[in-house]
Amino acid sequence: MKAFEDAGFEAISWKTDRKRLAREFAPLTKLAKDIPHELHDRLNALSLPARRAGNMQVLVFEAEIRANTADDEPRAPPIYIVNEVDEEPTPPLEFYYSNLMWHGEGVPKPDLDNLQGCDCIGPCDPASKTCACAKRQQKFWTEGGEAFIYDKRRRLRTHQYPIFECNMNCGCSDDCQNRVVQNGRQYEIAICKTVNKGWGVFAGPKKIPADSFIGVYAGEYLTDAETEERGTIYNKFGRTYLFDLDFWYLNKAGVEREETFCVDAYHAGNFTRYLNHSCDPNCVINACYINEANLDKPLLTIFTSRDVDPYEELCFSYFGPVDDEDLKTKDPKKDDAVYITCQCGASNCRGTMWK
């Protein structure tokens, strides 16, 4: 080591310099203006018979999924495209498949300067009184006397609370029980055409236990102004992939938030953009933070809320949590094309997907 120092090289160690190393090797921020589209432009320029020949469009779609997610979830089970309903080979080729978040104009880059990590060695000890990540989690969730919101099986103990995972500044190991979302999808799923709901997401051949991580609702981070502009357009042609980041813990009584953002999965996203609505859902969206100290920019992470049978459709409520008044069935009254009658088929169906 001294020889390297004498030669002018700086001696560094993971123990003392890990935060600096983490910042220097942090993933580059993805910008929405750089979302690729050349592949889809070329495919869409072909005739439908050409794209269907040899099952080409399906094979390209599935290959794109594997290629674009190889770095962030290399061990994830495959995703298949299945259509036994009509002749459409795949969902429309209109978006770039990605599990990452793409930052729109005016959206700040990830706040890494204020990102705090723990000094744990090996997996974090849930009984630790000094783990910084446990303390951060307990600021927002104190039920059950547990340090982490994940149990030893890496399943959520409860929903509707923000999740604070260990991050790139932490000293703990990759097998820490507080690293779940960042390790990627663990369950096989399929994107399947349905009879009356367009494309949907279905479980694979194995049961998915309750409270298991399914995926991140990936896409673009947008400002409020951009969200309003796009929302008006989407509502007119009957499809929207906008999701406001307005979780309860962000809205303090009497305090107006300076910045609010939205996630849009129209131009970039993953299989979660095909999750259909249900008035009796088996999935829930929870806010999650990993390499981000800005509370206004959580990841939207999807977990099962009950056991999901093999080949069962995965759905969440577009409506959000409901009360007794909301449960009354009602027909959509608004003029925009997005306000269609709910087709979930649940016994408690409200008749509409939106407030």
Protein backbone atom coordinates (compact mmCIF):
# COMPACT_ATOMS: atom_id res chain seq x y z
CA MET A 1 0.00 0.00 0.00
CA LYS A 2 2.86 2.39 0.89
CA ALA A 3 4.41 1.82 -2.53
CA PHE A 4 1.23 3.00 -4.22
CA GLU A 5 1.06 6.05 -1.96
CA ASP A 6 4.70 6.88 -2.69
CA ALA A 7 3.90 6.67 -6.40
CA GLY A 8 1.20 9.31 -5.99
CA PHE A 9 -1.85 7.05 -5.75
CA GLU A 10 -4.46 7.77 -3.08
CA ALA A 11 -5.21 4.97 -0.63
CA ILE A 12 -8.90 4.45 -0.05
CA SER A 13 -10.96 1.83 1.77
CA TRP A 14 -14.61 0.83 1.69
CA LYS A 15 -14.92 1.29 5.45
CA THR A 16 -13.83 4.93 5.50
CA ASP A 17 -14.62 6.08 1.97
CA ARG A 18 -17.76 4.19 0.99
CA LYS A 19 -20.00 7.25 0.82
CA ARG A 20 -17.59 9.02 -1.47
CA LEU A 21 -17.24 5.90 -3.63
CA ALA A 22 -21.01 5.48 -3.75
CA ARG A 23 -21.44 9.04 -5.05
CA GLU A 24 -18.69 8.67 -7.63
CA PHE A 25 -20.12 5.41 -8.96
CA ALA A 26 -23.80 6.28 -8.53
CA PRO A 27 -26.05 5.43 -11.49
CA LEU A 28 -26.39 8.24 -14.00
CA THR A 29 -29.68 10.11 -13.81
CA LYS A 30 -31.94 9.12 -16.69
CA LEU A 31 -33.52 12.09 -18.49
CA ALA A 32 -36.90 11.82 -20.16
CA LYS A 33 -35.64 13.64 -23.25
CA ASP A 34 -33.27 10.71 -23.83
CA ILE A 35 -35.89 7.94 -23.86
CA PRO A 36 -35.02 5.75 -26.89
CA HIS A 37 -37.64 5.16 -29.55
CA GLU A 38 -35.77 4.01 -32.67
CA LEU A 39 -36.61 0.30 -32.29
CA HIS A 40 -40.34 0.94 -32.07
CA ASP A 41 -40.23 3.45 -34.90
CA ARG A 42 -38.69 0.80 -37.14
CA LEU A 43 -41.14 -1.90 -36.09
CA ASN A 44 -44.18 0.34 -36.46
CA ALA A 45 -43.04 1.20 -39.98
CA LEU A 46 -43.57 -2.45 -40.94
CA SER A 47 -46.95 -3.82 -41.98
CA LEU A 48 -48.88 -5.93 -39.48
CA PRO A 49 -48.40 -9.12 -41.53
CA ALA A 50 -44.64 -8.51 -41.53
CA ARG A 51 -44.58 -7.99 -37.76
CA ARG A 52 -46.64 -11.13 -37.21
CA ALA A 53 -44.52 -13.30 -39.51
CA GLY A 54 -42.63 -15.90 -37.49
CA ASN A 55 -44.07 -14.38 -34.32
CA MET A 56 -41.48 -11.62 -34.77
CA GLN A 57 -43.21 -8.86 -32.81
CA VAL A 58 -43.72 -11.07 -29.76
CA LEU A 59 -40.12 -12.29 -29.85
CA VAL A 60 -38.78 -8.74 -30.18
CA PHE A 61 -41.01 -7.47 -27.35
CA GLU A 62 -39.87 -10.24 -24.98
CA ALA A 63 -36.23 -9.77 -26.01
CA GLU A 64 -36.48 -6.04 -25.30
CA ILE A 65 -37.77 -6.78 -21.81
CA ARG A 66 -34.81 -9.07 -21.10
CA ALA A 67 -32.22 -6.71 -22.56
CA ASN A 68 -33.51 -3.54 -20.88
CA THR A 69 -33.78 -5.11 -17.40
CA ALA A 70 -30.62 -7.27 -17.42
CA ASP A 71 -28.65 -4.79 -15.31
CA ASP A 72 -31.19 -3.95 -12.59
CA GLU A 73 -32.82 -7.38 -12.13
CA PRO A 74 -30.60 -9.99 -13.82
CA ARG A 75 -32.12 -12.92 -11.90
CA ALA A 76 -35.77 -12.04 -12.47
CA PRO A 77 -37.99 -14.76 -13.99
CA PRO A 78 -39.04 -14.22 -17.60
CA ILE A 79 -42.06 -12.20 -18.71
CA TYR A 80 -44.19 -13.68 -21.48
CA ILE A 81 -46.64 -12.01 -23.87
CA VAL A 82 -49.82 -14.08 -24.35
CA ASN A 83 -52.86 -13.38 -26.52
CA GLU A 84 -55.53 -16.05 -26.87
CA VAL A 85 -58.30 -13.51 -27.50
CA ASP A 86 -57.65 -11.85 -30.87
CA GLU A 87 -54.99 -11.26 -33.53
CA GLU A 88 -53.06 -8.40 -31.86
CA PRO A 89 -49.55 -9.84 -31.38
CA THR A 90 -48.44 -7.64 -28.46
CA PRO A 91 -49.49 -4.48 -26.67
CA PRO A 92 -49.00 -1.36 -28.84
CA LEU A 93 -45.34 -0.56 -29.55
CA GLU A 94 -45.55 2.91 -28.04
CA PHE A 95 -43.18 2.94 -25.07
CA TYR A 96 -39.61 2.07 -24.04
CA TYR A 97 -39.51 -0.88 -21.66
CA SER A 98 -37.58 0.05 -18.51
CA ASN A 99 -37.65 -0.45 -14.75
CA LEU A 100 -35.91 2.90 -14.24
CA MET A 101 -37.19 6.39 -13.50
CA TRP A 102 -36.71 9.05 -16.17
CA HIS A 103 -36.57 12.69 -15.06
CA GLY A 104 -38.67 15.18 -16.99
CA GLU A 105 -37.94 18.87 -17.54
CA GLY A 106 -37.86 20.77 -14.24
CA VAL A 107 -37.67 17.68 -12.03
CA PRO A 108 -34.61 17.70 -9.72
CA LYS A 109 -32.06 14.91 -9.92
CA PRO A 110 -31.90 12.39 -7.04
CA ASP A 111 -30.79 14.02 -3.80
CA LEU A 112 -27.70 12.00 -2.95
CA ASP A 113 -26.01 14.69 -0.84
CA ASN A 114 -28.53 14.26 1.98
CA LEU A 115 -28.84 10.50 1.62
CA GLN A 116 -28.03 8.79 4.91
CA GLY A 117 -26.78 5.23 5.17
CA CYS A 118 -26.23 2.84 8.04
CA ASP A 119 -22.88 1.66 9.40
CA CYS A 120 -23.98 -1.94 9.90
CA ILE A 121 -21.63 -4.78 9.03
CA GLY A 122 -23.19 -7.77 7.30
CA PRO A 123 -27.02 -7.86 7.23
CA CYS A 124 -28.68 -5.21 9.37
CA ASP A 125 -29.76 -6.50 12.77
CA PRO A 126 -33.47 -5.72 13.34
CA ALA A 127 -32.68 -5.46 17.06
CA SER A 128 -30.01 -2.80 16.50
CA LYS A 129 -30.42 0.48 18.34
CA THR A 130 -27.91 2.28 16.14
CA CYS A 131 -28.95 1.35 12.58
CA ALA A 132 -29.69 4.65 10.80
CA CYS A 133 -32.04 2.96 8.32
CA ALA A 134 -34.10 1.41 11.12
CA LYS A 135 -34.38 4.78 12.81
CA ARG A 136 -35.50 6.43 9.58
CA GLN A 137 -38.16 3.78 9.04
CA GLN A 138 -39.43 4.14 12.60
CA LYS A 139 -40.09 7.84 12.08
CA PHE A 140 -42.99 6.86 9.86
CA TRP A 141 -43.93 3.41 11.14
CA THR A 142 -43.82 2.43 14.80
CA GLU A 143 -46.38 -0.36 14.93
CA GLY A 144 -45.44 -3.78 16.21
CA GLY A 145 -42.15 -2.67 17.77
CA GLU A 146 -40.21 -3.84 14.70
CA ALA A 147 -37.21 -2.04 13.24
CA PHE A 148 -37.98 -2.75 9.60
CA ILE A 149 -41.24 -2.84 7.68
CA TYR A 150 -40.09 -6.09 6.05
CA ASP A 151 -40.11 -9.38 7.94
CA LYS A 152 -37.40 -12.05 7.66
CA ARG A 153 -39.08 -13.47 4.56
CA ARG A 154 -38.73 -10.01 2.98
CA ARG A 155 -42.46 -9.45 2.92
CA LEU A 156 -44.25 -6.30 4.04
CA ARG A 157 -45.62 -6.32 7.57
CA THR A 158 -48.16 -3.64 6.65
CA HIS A 159 -49.21 -1.42 3.75
CA GLN A 160 -49.86 2.31 3.25
CA TYR A 161 -46.66 3.36 5.02
CA PRO A 162 -43.51 4.61 3.26
CA ILE A 163 -40.71 2.08 2.91
CA PHE A 164 -37.11 3.12 3.58
CA GLU A 165 -34.68 0.54 2.26
CA CYS A 166 -30.95 0.44 2.85
CA ASN A 167 -29.13 2.29 0.11
CA MET A 168 -25.84 2.80 -1.69
CA ASN A 169 -24.35 4.66 1.31
CA CYS A 170 -24.99 1.77 3.68
CA GLY A 171 -22.32 -0.55 5.01
CA CYS A 172 -24.63 -3.57 5.24
CA SER A 173 -24.44 -6.51 2.86
CA ASP A 174 -26.57 -7.23 -0.20
CA ASP A 175 -28.46 -9.98 1.67
CA CYS A 176 -29.80 -7.52 4.27
CA GLN A 177 -33.52 -8.09 4.88
CA ASN A 178 -34.06 -4.38 4.31
CA ARG A 179 -33.10 -4.70 0.63
CA VAL A 180 -36.11 -5.98 -1.29
CA VAL A 181 -37.26 -3.66 -4.06
CA GLN A 182 -33.69 -3.03 -5.18
CA ASN A 183 -33.16 -6.77 -5.70
CA GLY A 184 -35.89 -6.89 -8.33
CA ARG A 185 -38.87 -9.03 -9.19
CA GLN A 186 -38.87 -12.62 -7.87
CA TYR A 187 -42.08 -13.99 -9.43
CA GLU A 188 -42.92 -14.98 -12.97
CA ILE A 189 -45.70 -13.00 -14.59
CA ALA A 190 -47.29 -12.71 -18.02
CA ILE A 191 -48.79 -9.82 -19.98
CA CYS A 192 -52.02 -11.26 -21.38
CA LYS A 193 -54.84 -9.93 -23.55
CA THR A 194 -58.22 -9.99 -21.80
CA VAL A 195 -61.69 -10.17 -23.31
CA ASN A 196 -62.98 -6.77 -22.17
CA LYS A 197 -60.16 -4.94 -20.37
CA GLY A 198 -57.39 -4.77 -22.94
CA TRP A 199 -54.04 -6.10 -21.80
CA GLY A 200 -53.52 -7.20 -18.20
CA VAL A 201 -50.91 -8.73 -15.90
CA PHE A 202 -51.27 -12.28 -14.62
CA ALA A 203 -49.39 -14.44 -12.13
CA GLY A 204 -47.29 -17.31 -13.43
CA PRO A 205 -47.62 -21.00 -12.53
CA LYS A 206 -46.76 -20.49 -8.84
CA LYS A 207 -48.77 -18.87 -6.07
CA ILE A 208 -47.54 -15.43 -5.03
CA PRO A 209 -47.72 -15.01 -1.23
CA ALA A 210 -49.39 -12.01 0.35
CA ASP A 211 -47.24 -8.92 0.92
CA SER A 212 -44.69 -9.89 -1.75
CA PHE A 213 -42.94 -7.39 -4.01
CA ILE A 214 -44.18 -7.46 -7.61
CA GLY A 215 -42.55 -4.52 -9.36
CA VAL A 216 -41.95 -0.76 -9.58
CA TYR A 217 -44.42 1.45 -11.43
CA ALA A 218 -41.67 2.89 -13.59
CA GLY A 219 -41.84 5.85 -15.96
CA GLU A 220 -41.17 9.57 -16.08
CA TYR A 221 -41.13 11.95 -13.14
CA LEU A 222 -43.16 15.00 -14.23
CA THR A 223 -43.85 18.43 -12.76
CA ASP A 224 -47.41 19.49 -11.98
CA ALA A 225 -47.58 21.71 -15.05
CA GLU A 226 -46.53 18.93 -17.42
CA THR A 227 -48.89 16.52 -15.67
CA GLU A 228 -51.89 18.81 -16.23
CA GLU A 229 -51.06 19.21 -19.91
CA ARG A 230 -50.64 15.49 -20.56
CA GLY A 231 -53.62 14.53 -18.41
CA THR A 232 -55.99 16.58 -20.56
CA ILE A 233 -54.75 14.81 -23.69
CA TYR A 234 -54.81 11.31 -22.17
CA ASN A 235 -58.35 11.71 -20.87
CA LYS A 236 -59.59 12.57 -24.35
CA PHE A 237 -58.28 9.46 -26.05
CA GLY A 238 -59.21 7.17 -23.17
CA ARG A 239 -55.94 5.94 -21.67
CA THR A 240 -53.87 7.45 -18.89
CA TYR A 241 -50.80 6.22 -17.07
CA LEU A 242 -50.43 9.18 -14.69
CA PHE A 243 -49.99 8.58 -10.96
CA ASP A 244 -49.81 11.53 -8.54
CA LEU A 245 -47.21 11.37 -5.78
CA ASP A 246 -49.53 12.64 -3.05
CA PHE A 247 -49.22 10.08 -0.26
CA TRP A 248 -50.72 10.99 3.10
CA TYR A 249 -47.39 11.39 4.93
CA LEU A 250 -46.31 14.09 2.44
CA ASN A 251 -49.30 16.31 3.18
CA LYS A 252 -48.75 17.89 6.57
CA ALA A 253 -51.68 19.74 8.09
CA GLY A 254 -51.53 23.45 7.31
CA VAL A 255 -48.34 23.17 5.26
CA GLU A 256 -48.43 23.59 1.49
CA ARG A 257 -45.88 21.51 -0.39
CA GLU A 258 -43.46 23.52 -2.50
CA GLU A 259 -43.08 20.84 -5.17
CA THR A 260 -45.31 17.99 -6.22
CA PHE A 261 -44.59 15.45 -8.89
CA CYS A 262 -46.28 12.71 -10.86
CA VAL A 263 -45.18 9.47 -12.54
CA ASP A 264 -46.19 8.89 -16.16
CA ALA A 265 -45.70 5.43 -17.66
CA TYR A 266 -46.87 6.29 -21.18
CA HIS A 267 -43.50 6.87 -22.93
CA ALA A 268 -41.39 4.64 -20.68
CA GLY A 269 -42.42 1.95 -18.23
CA ASN A 270 -42.63 -1.77 -17.59
CA PHE A 271 -45.27 -4.48 -17.20
CA THR A 272 -46.91 -2.60 -14.33
CA ARG A 273 -48.44 -0.13 -16.81
CA TYR A 274 -50.78 -2.98 -17.79
CA LEU A 275 -52.11 -3.62 -14.30
CA ASN A 276 -55.88 -3.27 -14.54
CA HIS A 277 -58.19 -1.75 -11.97
CA SER A 278 -60.27 -3.86 -9.59
CA CYS A 279 -62.73 -2.79 -6.92
CA ASP A 280 -61.50 -5.86 -4.99
CA PRO A 281 -57.75 -5.66 -5.73
CA ASN A 282 -55.03 -8.12 -4.78
CA CYS A 283 -52.21 -5.55 -5.04
CA VAL A 284 -51.40 -2.25 -3.33
CA ILE A 285 -49.04 0.59 -4.26
CA ASN A 286 -46.61 1.70 -1.56
CA ALA A 287 -44.10 4.54 -1.60
CA CYS A 288 -40.48 3.43 -1.33
CA TYR A 289 -37.14 5.23 -0.99
CA ILE A 290 -33.75 3.76 -1.81
CA ASN A 291 -31.17 6.10 -3.37
CA GLU A 292 -33.24 9.24 -2.93
CA ALA A 293 -33.39 11.65 0.03
CA ASN A 294 -36.10 13.85 -1.53
CA LEU A 295 -39.36 12.67 0.06
CA ASP A 296 -41.35 14.22 -2.80
CA LYS A 297 -39.93 11.62 -5.22
CA PRO A 298 -40.69 8.12 -3.95
CA LEU A 299 -40.70 5.01 -6.06
CA LEU A 300 -44.16 3.55 -6.60
CA THR A 301 -43.75 -0.08 -5.56
CA ILE A 302 -46.41 -2.74 -6.01
CA PHE A 303 -46.95 -5.50 -3.45
CA THR A 304 -49.58 -8.19 -3.18
CA SER A 305 -52.17 -7.57 -0.47
CA ARG A 306 -53.27 -11.21 -0.27
CA ASP A 307 -52.20 -14.58 -1.66
CA VAL A 308 -52.47 -14.63 -5.45
CA ASP A 309 -53.34 -17.95 -7.09
CA PRO A 310 -51.44 -19.28 -10.11
CA TYR A 311 -52.57 -17.51 -13.32
CA GLU A 312 -54.77 -15.07 -11.39
CA GLU A 313 -54.87 -11.52 -12.70
CA LEU A 314 -52.94 -8.93 -10.69
CA CYS A 315 -54.90 -5.70 -10.11
CA PHE A 316 -54.88 -2.63 -7.90
CA SER A 317 -57.47 0.05 -7.23
CA TYR A 318 -57.14 3.12 -9.44
CA PHE A 319 -59.59 4.69 -7.03
CA GLY A 320 -57.32 4.26 -4.01
CA PRO A 321 -58.58 3.39 -0.52
CA VAL A 322 -62.37 3.63 -0.30
CA ASP A 323 -64.88 4.42 2.42
CA ASP A 324 -68.50 3.30 2.80
CA GLU A 325 -69.82 6.15 0.64
CA ASP A 326 -67.39 5.29 -2.14
CA LEU A 327 -68.60 1.69 -2.23
CA LYS A 328 -71.97 2.71 -3.61
CA THR A 329 -72.20 1.64 -7.23
CA LYS A 330 -72.37 4.53 -9.64
CA ASP A 331 -72.10 5.04 -13.37
CA PRO A 332 -69.40 7.24 -14.91
CA LYS A 333 -70.84 10.69 -15.68
CA LYS A 334 -67.85 12.57 -17.06
CA ASP A 335 -67.47 13.20 -20.77
CA ASP A 336 -63.82 12.26 -21.32
CA ALA A 337 -63.14 8.86 -22.88
CA VAL A 338 -61.15 7.66 -19.88
CA TYR A 339 -64.30 7.59 -17.71
CA ILE A 340 -65.63 4.21 -18.77
CA THR A 341 -67.70 1.67 -16.89
CA CYS A 342 -65.63 -0.60 -14.65
CA GLN A 343 -65.26 -4.15 -15.97
CA CYS A 344 -63.56 -5.74 -12.93
CA GLY A 345 -66.43 -8.13 -12.21
CA ALA A 346 -65.96 -7.99 -8.43
CA SER A 347 -68.99 -8.52 -6.21
CA ASN A 348 -68.43 -5.06 -4.71
CA CYS A 349 -67.82 -3.32 -8.06
CA ARG A 350 -68.54 0.42 -7.88
CA GLY A 351 -69.23 0.71 -11.60
CA THR A 352 -66.44 3.22 -12.24
CA MET A 353 -62.66 3.29 -11.82
CA TRP A 354 -62.16 6.96 -10.95
CA LYS A 355 -63.46 9.46 -8.44
